[in-house]
Every structure is written in C-alpha cells, then in structure tokens.
Amino acid sequence: MSLPLKNKYVIADPNVCIGCATCMAACYESAYARGKLAVPRLIVTRTNSGTMPNQCRQCDDAPCANVCPVGALEFEKDCIALHEEICIGCKMCTVACPFGAIRPEAELMPSVDYTMEPKYNLTIQSEVGVKSIAVKCDLCVGREDGPSCVEVCPTNALSFRDNLNNNFIEEKAQKTVESFTKEKMKYK
C-alpha cells in the first residue's frame, strides 16, 4: 500500500525535451510578474542522453524545509513554499536538496520599493559578499493557469501532476530515474 502524495509537482520527460529553454524564459517572466526574484526557477540540463529541465520535485519530506533555520521554506497546501523575504541566504537548503534544484541568487526583488525601504541596499549587485536568496520552483503559485513552464513547452515534455494520477507518475518517474542513472554510471 502506498501513501498518497501530498504535493503537486512538475515532471519532465527527457526523451521529449529538445532543450529549447522556453520553459526557463516563461519561468523568468512568471516570477517577475508575481513579484519574485526575476530568475528562472528551473535550469535546462544537458547530458549525453538528452536534455531535461531540473526543478524542485516538491518532496513530501523536503530536506530543504527541514534544514532551514528561519522557516523560509515550509510545507504549504500543494508545494514547498519559499518565502524570499525571510531567507537569510545561508545556503543550507542548496546543500540539502538531493536534486540540486535550489540555488542561491542575488537580485533586487520587484515587489520591494527600495526608495521606501532603507534597510535594502541599492548597490546590492556590485558588492562582494552580498546576501543571497534561495531560488526554487514554486509551481507559479498564484498564477491562474498553473506552472508557466508546462503551458509553454512546445513538445509537452513537462506535465503538472498531483496526487490523483499516481500510476502515471510512478511509471514516468521510474523511466526518468533509470535513464539518468544509466547516464550517471557512465562517468563513475
């Protein structure tokens, strides 16, 4: 008996992905429109066996949320949410993520009025040792049409899944793991 999945997530099929990075561009635009750091939350990874976006898997027992000392990452209804305004840039979540799907970034947030918030330093991008902020997929929370990457993928390599379709997810996940495990074993 398997337990039901808690979180929704995006899954990619490396056999269909063409590596066009349209998903990254859509992610950037969605993040900016929602007042988040204007950077993509997924990165297209290229290997000898194919290409595939690498993004947060929204783990049910998320190691990133478990190690965050300030609670910037937390379990919410459908995903692991990252509260950028709370993040202290310690990078513990980047180390804890088994998929390398969280990375540190430093950029001014469009949702903050820096002229009204004196605690923010406007020269943030040019200073050495600037505080970074974790970036991860948030499934485009608040976006009516769901994750923008899924919507724009020209080959339908990305699909948005929830706990209602476990058989499909298990089959696709197993094929993806097998494909990338074979690729990884070549380099050991």
Foldseek 3Di string as FASTA:
>chain_A
DDDFAQAKDKDFFQVQDPQPCPLFVQQLVLCQVVQHPNGHLWDWDQFPLGIDIQADGQDSPQQLQVPQPQNQWDDDRHGTHGNQVRFQQPCPSCVRDPRSRKDWDDDDTPVDDCVVDVVDDPCQVVDPPRRTTIGGDPQSPPDPVTRRSCVPRPRNRMDMGGRPDVVVVVVSVVVVCVSVVVRVVVVD
